[in-house]
Structure formats: C-alpha cells, structure tokens
C-alpha atoms as a PDB file:
ATOM      1  CA  MET A   1       1.005  25.265   4.862  1.00  0.00           C
ATOM      2  CA  ALA A   2      -1.929  23.328   6.484  1.00  0.00           C
ATOM      3  CA  VAL A   3      -3.371  24.789   9.586  1.00  0.00           C
ATOM      4  CA  LEU A   4      -5.502  23.875  12.498  1.00  0.00           C
ATOM      5  CA  LYS A   5      -7.328  26.378  14.799  1.00  0.00           C
ATOM      6  CA  GLN A   6      -5.776  29.009  12.843  1.00  0.00           C
ATOM      7  CA  LYS A   7      -2.132  27.515  13.578  1.00  0.00           C
ATOM      8  CA  PRO A   8       0.413  25.958  11.342  1.00  0.00           C
ATOM      9  CA  VAL A   9       1.142  22.062  12.051  1.00  0.00           C
ATOM     10  CA  HIS A  10       4.156  22.196  12.663  1.00  0.00           C
ATOM     11  CA  LYS A  11       4.065  25.016  15.213  1.00  0.00           C
ATOM     12  CA  LYS A  12       0.811  23.197  16.713  1.00  0.00           C
ATOM     13  CA  ALA A  13       3.410  20.224  16.974  1.00  0.00           C
ATOM     14  CA  SER A  14       6.282  22.082  18.294  1.00  0.00           C
ATOM     15  CA  SER A  15       4.592  23.284  20.826  1.00  0.00           C
ATOM     16  CA  TYR A  16       2.936  20.077  21.569  1.00  0.00           C
ATOM     17  CA  LEU A  17       5.973  18.384  21.802  1.00  0.00           C
ATOM     18  CA  CYS A  18       7.545  20.884  24.141  1.00  0.00           C
ATOM     19  CA  LYS A  19       4.209  20.123  26.354  1.00  0.00           C
ATOM     20  CA  ILE A  20       5.309  16.701  26.643  1.00  0.00           C
ATOM     21  CA  GLU A  21       8.510  17.588  27.627  1.00  0.00           C
ATOM     22  CA  GLN A  22       6.986  19.761  30.729  1.00  0.00           C
ATOM     23  CA  GLU A  23       4.488  17.187  31.534  1.00  0.00           C
ATOM     24  CA  GLY A  24       5.829  13.749  31.778  1.00  0.00           C
ATOM     25  CA  PRO A  25       7.557  10.823  30.588  1.00  0.00           C
ATOM     26  CA  ILE A  26       4.938  10.033  27.827  1.00  0.00           C
ATOM     27  CA  TYR A  27       7.513  10.992  24.940  1.00  0.00           C
ATOM     28  CA  HIS A  28       7.827   8.250  22.635  1.00  0.00           C
ATOM     29  CA  SER A  29       4.195   7.574  22.818  1.00  0.00           C
ATOM     30  CA  GLN A  30       2.467  11.156  22.446  1.00  0.00           C
ATOM     31  CA  MET A  31       5.420  11.666  19.435  1.00  0.00           C
ATOM     32  CA  VAL A  32       3.081   8.781  17.571  1.00  0.00           C
ATOM     33  CA  ASN A  33      -0.223  10.914  17.919  1.00  0.00           C
ATOM     34  CA  VAL A  34       1.591  14.023  16.848  1.00  0.00           C
ATOM     35  CA  ALA A  35       2.376  11.245  13.922  1.00  0.00           C
ATOM     36  CA  PHE A  36      -1.147  10.842  13.503  1.00  0.00           C
ATOM     37  CA  MET A  37      -1.894  14.158  13.672  1.00  0.00           C
ATOM     38  CA  LEU A  38       0.317  14.959  10.899  1.00  0.00           C
ATOM     39  CA  ARG A  39      -1.395  11.735   8.841  1.00  0.00           C
ATOM     40  CA  ASP A  40      -4.618  12.854   9.071  1.00  0.00           C
ATOM     41  CA  ASP A  41      -3.836  16.521   8.176  1.00  0.00           C
ATOM     42  CA  GLY A  42      -2.955  14.922   4.422  1.00  0.00           C
ATOM     43  CA  TYR A  43       0.787  15.236   5.237  1.00  0.00           C
ATOM     44  CA  SER A  44       3.054  12.254   2.972  1.00  0.00           C
ATOM     45  CA  TYR A  45       5.717  10.264   5.264  1.00  0.00           C
ATOM     46  CA  HIS A  46       8.432  12.555   4.180  1.00  0.00           C
ATOM     47  CA  GLN A  47       6.867  15.426   5.019  1.00  0.00           C
ATOM     48  CA  ALA A  48       5.888  14.314   8.355  1.00  0.00           C
ATOM     49  CA  VAL A  49       9.313  12.990   9.391  1.00  0.00           C
ATOM     50  CA  PHE A  50      10.582  16.270   7.708  1.00  0.00           C
ATOM     51  CA  THR A  51       8.463  18.361  10.492  1.00  0.00           C
ATOM     52  CA  MET A  52       8.773  16.130  13.275  1.00  0.00           C
ATOM     53  CA  HIS A  53      12.110  16.784  13.417  1.00  0.00           C
ATOM     54  CA  GLU A  54      11.817  20.286  13.111  1.00  0.00           C
ATOM     55  CA  ALA A  55       9.641  20.572  15.506  1.00  0.00           C
ATOM     56  CA  SER A  56      11.879  18.624  18.065  1.00  0.00           C
ATOM     57  CA  LYS A  57      14.513  20.821  17.692  1.00  0.00           C
ATOM     58  CA  THR A  58      12.569  22.818  20.108  1.00  0.00           C
ATOM     59  CA  VAL A  59      12.404  20.170  23.040  1.00  0.00           C
ATOM     60  CA  THR A  60      15.094  20.216  25.512  1.00  0.00           C
ATOM     61  CA  ARG A  61      14.015  17.118  27.243  1.00  0.00           C
ATOM     62  CA  ARG A  62      16.075  14.818  25.047  1.00  0.00           C
ATOM     63  CA  GLU A  63      16.741  14.088  21.609  1.00  0.00           C
ATOM     64  CA  PRO A  64      14.697  11.578  19.769  1.00  0.00           C
ATOM     65  CA  ARG A  65      17.048   8.209  19.327  1.00  0.00           C
ATOM     66  CA  PRO A  66      18.081   7.515  15.641  1.00  0.00           C
ATOM     67  CA  GLY A  67      15.395   5.857  13.352  1.00  0.00           C
ATOM     68  CA  GLU A  68      12.410   7.052  16.106  1.00  0.00           C
ATOM     69  CA  ILE A  69      10.908   9.787  14.584  1.00  0.00           C
ATOM     70  CA  GLU A  70      10.950   7.705  11.337  1.00  0.00           C
ATOM     71  CA  GLY A  71       9.414   4.301  13.188  1.00  0.00           C
ATOM     72  CA  ALA A  72       6.963   6.728  15.092  1.00  0.00           C
ATOM     73  CA  VAL A  73       5.501   8.235  11.192  1.00  0.00           C
ATOM     74  CA  ALA A  74       5.784   4.678  10.009  1.00  0.00           C
ATOM     75  CA  TYR A  75       3.258   3.236  12.630  1.00  0.00           C
ATOM     76  CA  ALA A  76       0.829   6.292  12.219  1.00  0.00           C
ATOM     77  CA  PHE A  77       0.886   5.482   8.254  1.00  0.00           C
ATOM     78  CA  GLN A  78       0.435   1.691   8.221  1.00  0.00           C
ATOM     79  CA  CYS A  79      -2.442   2.087  10.495  1.00  0.00           C
ATOM     80  CA  SER A  80      -5.757   1.174   8.771  1.00  0.00           C
ATOM     81  CA  PRO A  81      -7.842   4.381   7.909  1.00  0.00           C
ATOM     82  CA  ASP A  82     -10.002   4.510  10.738  1.00  0.00           C
ATOM     83  CA  LYS A  83      -7.063   4.537  13.530  1.00  0.00           C
ATOM     84  CA  SER A  84      -6.621   8.088  14.303  1.00  0.00           C
ATOM     85  CA  SER A  85      -5.108  10.051  17.408  1.00  0.00           C
ATOM     86  CA  LYS A  86      -7.095  11.742  19.491  1.00  0.00           C
ATOM     87  CA  PHE A  87      -5.758  15.286  17.867  1.00  0.00           C
ATOM     88  CA  SER A  88      -7.131  14.885  14.206  1.00  0.00           C
ATOM     89  CA  ARG A  89      -9.222  17.366  13.163  1.00  0.00           C
ATOM     90  CA  ARG A  90     -11.491  15.246  11.174  1.00  0.00           C
ATOM     91  CA  ALA A  91     -14.206  12.681  12.665  1.00  0.00           C
ATOM     92  CA  THR A  92     -13.062   9.247  11.688  1.00  0.00           C
ATOM     93  CA  LYS A  93     -16.148   7.999  10.440  1.00  0.00           C
ATOM     94  CA  LYS A  94     -15.868   3.634   9.622  1.00  0.00           C
ATOM     95  CA  VAL A  95     -16.246   2.842   6.450  1.00  0.00           C
ATOM     96  CA  ARG A  96     -18.845  -0.430   5.607  1.00  0.00           C
ATOM     97  CA  ARG A  97     -18.475  -2.938   3.020  1.00  0.00           C
ATOM     98  CA  ASN A  98     -21.742  -1.401   0.810  1.00  0.00           C
ATOM     99  CA  GLN A  99     -23.751  -4.515  -0.823  1.00  0.00           C
ATOM    100  CA  ALA A 100     -25.880  -1.975  -3.170  1.00  0.00           C
ATOM    101  CA  ILE A 101     -22.795  -0.585  -4.393  1.00  0.00           C
ATOM    102  CA  ILE A 102     -20.833  -4.377  -4.597  1.00  0.00           C
ATOM    103  CA  ASP A 103     -24.020  -5.281  -6.938  1.00  0.00           C
ATOM    104  CA  GLU A 104     -24.110  -2.016  -8.847  1.00  0.00           C
ATOM    105  CA  TRP A 105     -20.467  -2.470 -10.347  1.00  0.00           C
ATOM    106  CA  THR A 106     -20.746  -6.186 -10.285  1.00  0.00           C
ATOM    107  CA  GLY A 107     -23.459  -5.881 -12.587  1.00  0.00           C
ATOM    108  CA  LYS A 108     -21.914  -3.614 -15.033  1.00  0.00           C
ATOM    109  CA  GLY A 109     -18.638  -6.009 -15.357  1.00  0.00           C
ATOM    110  CA  SER A 110     -17.358  -7.420 -18.096  1.00  0.00           C
ATOM    111  CA  ALA A 111     -14.020  -9.522 -18.567  1.00  0.00           C
ATOM    112  CA  ASN A 112     -14.095  -9.531 -22.162  1.00  0.00           C
ATOM    113  CA  ARG A 113     -13.941  -6.093 -22.496  1.00  0.00           C
ATOM    114  CA  LEU A 114     -11.439  -5.550 -19.720  1.00  0.00           C
ATOM    115  CA  MET A 115      -9.097  -7.437 -21.322  1.00  0.00           C
ATOM    116  CA  GLU A 116      -9.994  -6.208 -24.864  1.00  0.00           C
ATOM    117  CA  MET A 117      -8.495  -2.814 -22.988  1.00  0.00           C
ATOM    118  CA  SER A 118      -5.306  -4.620 -22.263  1.00  0.00           C
ATOM    119  CA  ASP A 119      -1.877  -3.967 -24.185  1.00  0.00           C
ATOM    120  CA  GLN A 120       0.061  -6.636 -25.340  1.00  0.00           C
ATOM    121  CA  ILE A 121       0.772  -9.303 -22.373  1.00  0.00           C
ATOM    122  CA  PRO A 122       4.651  -9.942 -22.146  1.00  0.00           C
ATOM    123  CA  ASP A 123       5.050 -13.769 -22.193  1.00  0.00           C
ATOM    124  CA  ASN A 124       7.204 -13.998 -19.487  1.00  0.00           C
ATOM    125  CA  PRO A 125       7.733 -11.977 -15.983  1.00  0.00           C
ATOM    126  CA  SER A 126      10.638 -10.250 -16.547  1.00  0.00           C
ATOM    127  CA  GLU A 127       9.193  -7.930 -19.064  1.00  0.00           C
ATOM    128  CA  ILE A 128       6.339  -6.731 -16.663  1.00  0.00           C
ATOM    129  CA  LEU A 129       8.532  -6.564 -13.340  1.00  0.00           C
ATOM    130  CA  GLU A 130      11.297  -4.211 -15.651  1.00  0.00           C
ATOM    131  CA  HIS A 131       8.175  -2.016 -16.623  1.00  0.00           C
ATOM    132  CA  LEU A 132       6.895  -1.734 -12.616  1.00  0.00           C
ATOM    133  CA  PHE A 133      10.281  -1.419 -11.068  1.00  0.00           C
ATOM    134  CA  ASN A 134      13.978  -0.307 -11.575  1.00  0.00           C
ATOM    135  CA  GLY A 135      16.615  -2.776 -11.710  1.00  0.00           C
ATOM    136  CA  ASP A 136      18.057  -1.294  -8.559  1.00  0.00           C
ATOM    137  CA  ASP A 137      15.192  -1.507  -6.735  1.00  0.00           C
ATOM    138  CA  LEU A 138      14.883  -3.909  -3.695  1.00  0.00           C
ATOM    139  CA  LEU A 139      11.816  -6.529  -3.754  1.00  0.00           C
ATOM    140  CA  HIS A 140      10.797  -9.487  -2.264  1.00  0.00           C
ATOM    141  CA  LEU A 141       9.959 -12.460  -4.804  1.00  0.00           C
ATOM    142  CA  SER A 142       9.398 -15.996  -3.210  1.00  0.00           C
ATOM    143  CA  PRO A 143       7.905 -19.451  -4.470  1.00  0.00           C
ATOM    144  CA  ASP A 144       5.844 -19.507  -1.195  1.00  0.00           C
ATOM    145  CA  ILE A 145       4.764 -18.300   1.734  1.00  0.00           C
ATOM    146  CA  PHE A 146       8.512 -19.179   4.155  1.00  0.00           C
ATOM    147  CA  HIS A 147      11.218 -17.540   2.006  1.00  0.00           C
ATOM    148  CA  ASP A 148      11.927 -13.822   3.116  1.00  0.00           C
ATOM    149  CA  GLN A 149      14.439 -12.776   0.738  1.00  0.00           C
ATOM    150  CA  ILE A 150      15.239  -9.205  -0.513  1.00  0.00           C
ATOM    151  CA  VAL A 151      17.627  -8.227  -3.406  1.00  0.00           C
ATOM    152  CA  SER A 152      17.866  -6.255  -6.121  1.00  0.00           C
ATOM    153  CA  LEU A 153      15.084  -6.552  -9.077  1.00  0.00           C
ATOM    154  CA  SER A 154      17.974  -7.560 -11.719  1.00  0.00           C
ATOM    155  CA  GLU A 155      19.209  -9.966  -9.567  1.00  0.00           C
ATOM    156  CA  TRP A 156      16.332 -11.980  -9.611  1.00  0.00           C
ATOM    157  CA  VAL A 157      16.059 -11.624 -12.684  1.00  0.00           C
ATOM    158  CA  ASP A 158      19.717 -12.912 -13.407  1.00  0.00           C
ATOM    159  CA  ALA A 159      18.471 -16.176 -10.856  1.00  0.00           C
ATOM    160  CA  GLY A 160      15.681 -16.717 -12.639  1.00  0.00           C
ATOM    161  CA  LEU A 161      11.709 -16.331 -12.016  1.00  0.00           C
ATOM    162  CA  ASP A 162      10.413 -20.043 -13.108  1.00  0.00           C
ATOM    163  CA  ARG A 163       9.407 -21.154  -9.296  1.00  0.00           C
ATOM    164  CA  MET A 164       7.935 -17.862  -8.403  1.00  0.00           C
ATOM    165  CA  GLN A 165       4.485 -17.485  -6.992  1.00  0.00           C
ATOM    166  CA  TYR A 166       4.178 -14.721  -4.624  1.00  0.00           C
ATOM    167  CA  PHE A 167       5.780 -10.900  -4.807  1.00  0.00           C
ATOM    168  CA  CYS A 168       5.735  -7.637  -2.572  1.00  0.00           C
ATOM    169  CA  PRO A 169       4.132  -4.370  -4.760  1.00  0.00           C
ATOM    170  CA  CYS A 170       6.891  -1.906  -2.869  1.00  0.00           C
ATOM    171  CA  THR A 171      10.371  -1.552  -2.900  1.00  0.00           C
ATOM    172  CA  PHE A 172      12.230  -1.672   0.435  1.00  0.00           C
ATOM    173  CA  LYS A 173      15.255   0.339   2.123  1.00  0.00           C
ATOM    174  CA  ASP A 174      17.496  -2.619   2.487  1.00  0.00           C
ATOM    175  CA  ARG A 175      18.263  -6.339   1.961  1.00  0.00           C
ATOM    176  CA  GLN A 176      19.093  -7.226   6.012  1.00  0.00           C
ATOM    177  CA  HIS A 177      15.728  -6.715   7.744  1.00  0.00           C
ATOM    178  CA  GLY A 178      12.946  -8.735   5.283  1.00  0.00           C
ATOM    179  CA  ARG A 179       9.490  -8.028   4.391  1.00  0.00           C
ATOM    180  CA  LEU A 180       8.399  -6.033   7.190  1.00  0.00           C
ATOM    181  CA  ALA A 181       6.316  -2.949   7.348  1.00  0.00           C
ATOM    182  CA  LYS A 182       8.775  -0.770   8.981  1.00  0.00           C
ATOM    183  CA  ASN A 183      11.247  -1.780   6.100  1.00  0.00           C
ATOM    184  CA  VAL A 184       8.917  -0.739   3.038  1.00  0.00           C
ATOM    185  CA  LEU A 185      10.535   2.312   1.249  1.00  0.00           C
ATOM    186  CA  PHE A 186       8.069   3.187  -0.967  1.00  0.00           C
ATOM    187  CA  ARG A 187       4.127   1.811  -2.074  1.00  0.00           C
ATOM    188  CA  LYS A 188       4.499   2.322  -5.768  1.00  0.00           C
ATOM    189  CA  TYR A 189       1.277   0.135  -6.377  1.00  0.00           C
ATOM    190  CA  ILE A 190      -1.937  -1.368  -4.285  1.00  0.00           C
ATOM    191  CA  VAL A 191      -3.553  -4.458  -4.940  1.00  0.00           C
ATOM    192  CA  PHE A 192      -7.438  -5.232  -4.672  1.00  0.00           C
ATOM    193  CA  GLU A 193      -8.176  -8.952  -4.192  1.00  0.00           C
ATOM    194  CA  THR A 194     -12.032 -10.101  -3.156  1.00  0.00           C
ATOM    195  CA  ASP A 195     -13.768 -13.358  -2.666  1.00  0.00           C
ATOM    196  CA  GLU A 196     -16.973 -11.727  -3.565  1.00  0.00           C
ATOM    197  CA  ARG A 197     -18.265 -13.307  -6.525  1.00  0.00           C
ATOM    198  CA  PRO A 198     -15.600 -16.861  -6.839  1.00  0.00           C
ATOM    199  CA  TYR A 199     -15.068 -17.288 -10.323  1.00  0.00           C
ATOM    200  CA  ASP A 200     -17.571 -14.513 -11.504  1.00  0.00           C
ATOM    201  CA  TRP A 201     -14.672 -13.367 -14.153  1.00  0.00           C
ATOM    202  CA  ASP A 202     -17.388 -10.373 -14.762  1.00  0.00           C
ATOM    203  CA  GLY A 203     -18.257  -9.174 -11.518  1.00  0.00           C
ATOM    204  CA  GLN A 204     -14.966  -8.899 -10.090  1.00  0.00           C
ATOM    205  CA  ALA A 205     -13.997  -7.239 -13.864  1.00  0.00           C
ATOM    206  CA  GLY A 206     -16.650  -5.020 -12.603  1.00  0.00           C
ATOM    207  CA  LEU A 207     -15.366  -3.705  -9.244  1.00  0.00           C
ATOM    208  CA  ILE A 208     -11.934  -3.719 -10.598  1.00  0.00           C
ATOM    209  CA  GLU A 209     -12.926  -1.207 -13.204  1.00  0.00           C
ATOM    210  CA  ARG A 210     -14.577   0.718 -10.254  1.00  0.00           C
ATOM    211  CA  LEU A 211     -11.218   0.990  -8.736  1.00  0.00           C
ATOM    212  CA  ALA A 212      -9.524   2.044 -11.988  1.00  0.00           C
ATOM    213  CA  GLN A 213     -11.253   5.227 -11.496  1.00  0.00           C
ATOM    214  CA  ALA A 214      -9.770   5.691  -7.870  1.00  0.00           C
ATOM    215  CA  LEU A 215      -6.006   4.896  -9.013  1.00  0.00           C
ATOM    216  CA  PRO A 216      -5.096   3.947 -12.454  1.00  0.00           C
ATOM    217  CA  LEU A 217      -5.210  -0.273 -13.209  1.00  0.00           C
ATOM    218  CA  VAL A 218      -1.557  -1.302 -14.240  1.00  0.00           C
ATOM    219  CA  LEU A 219      -1.907  -4.990 -13.965  1.00  0.00           C
ATOM    220  CA  VAL A 220      -4.146  -7.569 -13.401  1.00  0.00           C
ATOM    221  CA  VAL A 221      -3.147 -11.184 -12.221  1.00  0.00           C
ATOM    222  CA  ALA A 222      -5.336 -14.534 -12.117  1.00  0.00           C
ATOM    223  CA  SER A 223      -4.389 -16.038  -8.237  1.00  0.00           C
ATOM    224  CA  GLY A 224      -4.614 -19.512 -10.311  1.00  0.00           C
ATOM    225  CA  ASN A 225      -7.912 -20.046  -8.072  1.00  0.00           C
ATOM    226  CA  LYS A 226     -11.296 -17.657  -7.719  1.00  0.00           C
ATOM    227  CA  SER A 227     -10.306 -14.513  -7.829  1.00  0.00           C
ATOM    228  CA  TRP A 228      -8.301 -11.813  -9.785  1.00  0.00           C
ATOM    229  CA  HIS A 229      -5.199  -9.206  -8.524  1.00  0.00           C
ATOM    230  CA  SER A 230      -5.677  -5.985  -9.462  1.00  0.00           C
ATOM    231  CA  PHE A 231      -2.725  -3.685  -9.604  1.00  0.00           C
ATOM    232  CA  HIS A 232      -3.437   0.041  -9.135  1.00  0.00           C
ATOM    233  CA  LEU A 233      -0.783   2.547  -9.790  1.00  0.00           C
ATOM    234  CA  ALA A 234      -0.412   4.435  -5.953  1.00  0.00           C
ATOM    235  CA  ASP A 235       2.809   5.871  -6.222  1.00  0.00           C
ATOM    236  CA  GLY A 236       3.212   6.943  -2.628  1.00  0.00           C
ATOM    237  CA  ASN A 237       0.487   9.022  -2.406  1.00  0.00           C
ATOM    238  CA  GLU A 238      -0.749   8.115   1.072  1.00  0.00           C
ATOM    239  CA  SER A 239      -4.213  10.268   0.943  1.00  0.00           C
ATOM    240  CA  ALA A 240      -5.124   8.816  -2.168  1.00  0.00           C
ATOM    241  CA  ILE A 241      -4.046   4.937  -0.874  1.00  0.00           C
ATOM    242  CA  GLU A 242      -6.518   5.481   2.439  1.00  0.00           C
ATOM    243  CA  LYS A 243      -9.308   6.583   0.067  1.00  0.00           C
ATOM    244  CA  PHE A 244      -8.525   3.853  -1.916  1.00  0.00           C
ATOM    245  CA  ASN A 245      -8.522   1.528   1.000  1.00  0.00           C
ATOM    246  CA  ASN A 246     -11.905   2.935   2.059  1.00  0.00           C
ATOM    247  CA  LEU A 247     -12.871   1.628  -1.538  1.00  0.00           C
ATOM    248  CA  VAL A 248     -11.610  -1.498  -1.001  1.00  0.00           C
ATOM    249  CA  ILE A 249     -13.871  -1.932   2.057  1.00  0.00           C
ATOM    250  CA  THR A 250     -16.938  -0.640   0.296  1.00  0.00           C
ATOM    251  CA  LEU A 251     -16.087  -3.151  -2.181  1.00  0.00           C
ATOM    252  CA  GLY A 252     -15.986  -5.870  -0.410  1.00  0.00           C
ATOM    253  CA  GLY A 253     -12.170  -6.419  -0.584  1.00  0.00           C
ATOM    254  CA  ASP A 254      -9.960  -8.264   1.197  1.00  0.00           C
ATOM    255  CA  HIS A 255      -8.456  -5.464   3.519  1.00  0.00           C
ATOM    256  CA  SER A 256      -5.208  -6.994   4.381  1.00  0.00           C
ATOM    257  CA  VAL A 257      -3.846  -7.247   0.070  1.00  0.00           C
ATOM    258  CA  THR A 258      -3.480  -3.572   0.899  1.00  0.00           C
ATOM    259  CA  ARG A 259      -1.142  -4.002   3.606  1.00  0.00           C
ATOM    260  CA  PRO A 260       2.522  -2.405   3.090  1.00  0.00           C
ATOM    261  CA  ALA A 261       4.488  -5.458   2.654  1.00  0.00           C
ATOM    262  CA  GLN A 262       1.509  -7.958   1.934  1.00  0.00           C
ATOM    263  CA  MET A 263       2.708 -11.129  -0.551  1.00  0.00           C
ATOM    264  CA  VAL A 264       0.252 -11.558  -3.761  1.00  0.00           C
ATOM    265  CA  ARG A 265       0.060 -13.388  -6.338  1.00  0.00           C
ATOM    266  CA  PHE A 266       3.271 -12.811  -8.869  1.00  0.00           C
ATOM    267  CA  PRO A 267       2.549 -12.264 -12.743  1.00  0.00           C
ATOM    268  CA  LEU A 268       2.600 -15.874 -15.068  1.00  0.00           C
ATOM    269  CA  GLY A 269       3.554 -17.848 -11.808  1.00  0.00           C
ATOM    270  CA  THR A 270       2.019 -21.069 -10.860  1.00  0.00           C
ATOM    271  CA  ASN A 271      -0.560 -21.197  -7.832  1.00  0.00           C
ATOM    272  CA  SER A 272       1.098 -24.353  -6.105  1.00  0.00           C
ATOM    273  CA  ARG A 273      -2.338 -25.342  -4.198  1.00  0.00           C
ATOM    274  CA  THR A 274      -4.400 -25.849  -7.748  1.00  0.00           C
ATOM    275  CA  GLY A 275      -1.331 -25.964 -10.196  1.00  0.00           C
ATOM    276  CA  ASN A 276      -3.083 -23.499 -12.366  1.00  0.00           C
ATOM    277  CA  LYS A 277      -1.081 -20.948 -14.089  1.00  0.00           C
ATOM    278  CA  GLN A 278      -1.037 -17.174 -12.660  1.00  0.00           C
ATOM    279  CA  LYS A 279      -2.135 -15.633 -16.079  1.00  0.00           C
ATOM    280  CA  VAL A 280      -2.165 -12.021 -16.758  1.00  0.00           C
ATOM    281  CA  ILE A 281      -5.625 -10.605 -17.510  1.00  0.00           C
ATOM    282  CA  TYR A 282      -5.316  -7.338 -18.233  1.00  0.00           C
ATOM    283  CA  PHE A 283      -1.205  -4.964 -18.878  1.00  0.00           C
ATOM    284  CA  SER A 284      -0.746  -1.697 -19.555  1.00  0.00           C
ATOM    285  CA  ARG A 285       2.273  -0.121 -20.888  1.00  0.00           C
ATOM    286  CA  GLY A 286       1.470   3.420 -19.897  1.00  0.00           C
ATOM    287  CA  ASN A 287       2.169   4.255 -16.084  1.00  0.00           C
END
C-alpha cells in the first residue's frame, strides 16, 4: 500500500474527505483533488475509483452522485502529466523539448532497419485490427473528421473498411456517448507522431526506436504526407503512459496525438488531402 507521510493513501483520502464535509460546500472540487493525489501516487484508474468509493463511505455530508467519482478520476487521469493537485507528494517538473536528444536519436535512425525488423505486413486492414483488438471491442473508425460512430470491431469489419481514414487506438464504454475522453474504456495503445524532420524517414525511425525502448512498438503507419504514426503497447498502464508522454515532449512529438480519444491515421487507408496510401511501415505479431 502506498504511504504519504507514514499514512496509507486510502486513510489520508478518507480523512481529507471527512474534513471537506465539515469545512465547506466544495465537495466535488475537492474530490477531484483527491483523484489527482491518487494519480500522482501511482494508482491506476480502477484502483483510484475503488479507493475513493471506500473512502467516501466515511463521509456523512452526502453520498457521491452516480458516476461522480468515476468522472473525477477520469478527469485527473486525462489531464497532462504537468497538471496536478496541490496535495501531490512529488514536485512536478515541467518537461521540455530537448533538441540535443532529438538530434542524437534522429542521427541513429534507419527506415530500412525498422522495416527489416517488421513481421509480414497484412494485405488488408481487418487483419491488423483483429490482431490489435477483440471482436466485441467498441471502436471509433471514420472516413473523415466529422463522423462519430462507435460499434464493435466485428460490425466494422462486416460493414467494410475501404473508406476509412482515421481511427482511435482505444476502446470505448458505450455506443451512445461518442468519441469523448470520458467514454474511453481502455487505452491499449498510445501513438507518437512528430513534425520533426518532415519526410526524413531515417530521422523519424530513430525517434520511434527510442520510444520503443519505453513501450513496445506494435505498428507504424505512414500518414500519407510528411510523417509516420507509431503505435506502442500501453495496456492501460497509466504510469507508463505518463512517462511515455514526457518522452514524446522531449523528442518534439505532437502531444495532442497522445490524448485518450484522439483520431490517428488508419492503417492502409488513404489520405484524402494528398491522395496517398497510408502504408504500414512496421507490424508486430508478437504483442
């Protein structure tokens, strides 16, 4: 059990919520602060939700509304790593882009080496998706930036994938609430993309190889323009995702691509702006 100042976190959270009950009407905002505290202490999303439900049993002021704790925890876990509560035990150090590290790893890269390390690449996107996800997983796929439909992978495959240009590398809770961060169920993959060294495939391969040291590389998809999208296996590990996000910033990556429900390039789709195929550069069957 994690300890803050020699007191278990769940007891600290409980006593803090009791104090809130006695001192003022800011129950929900302080609930969010507790969620940040647990996140910063290394708790997973599900551990934080369970801990806060247990702690809330000691608060007599009112019961949490249905989904209130889950929403508070989701907000805390979706915020950027440099946003925290004032109750974090660790000082937050702002991560910055580091040109020296970027130059080091772009200089080491080789697009040919990365492609040679790939397993055999499937001829159709359905085989790729069926390797990445389960048939009943709820996914968001789209031919453009305007559609917002979520159905199971099996339904997507049955309907045909020919027109798809984007998808989200996460699974969703339900079909009704669309592509919203609060509707994300599980972040199995996290994606890296950068505008560093446009069309410099060796340089981008070097950055991807560095990121593969942090989280396993599963897939690399060409955007059909000037960059590659690399998919890394996160398996819902929020602590690993946070460290990966920091590394993305250090390497000059597009941090918006790492958002929970962000759309990224669909493998073997077509970029509607350039007309170019979104080729698969690398594919691993081992994950």
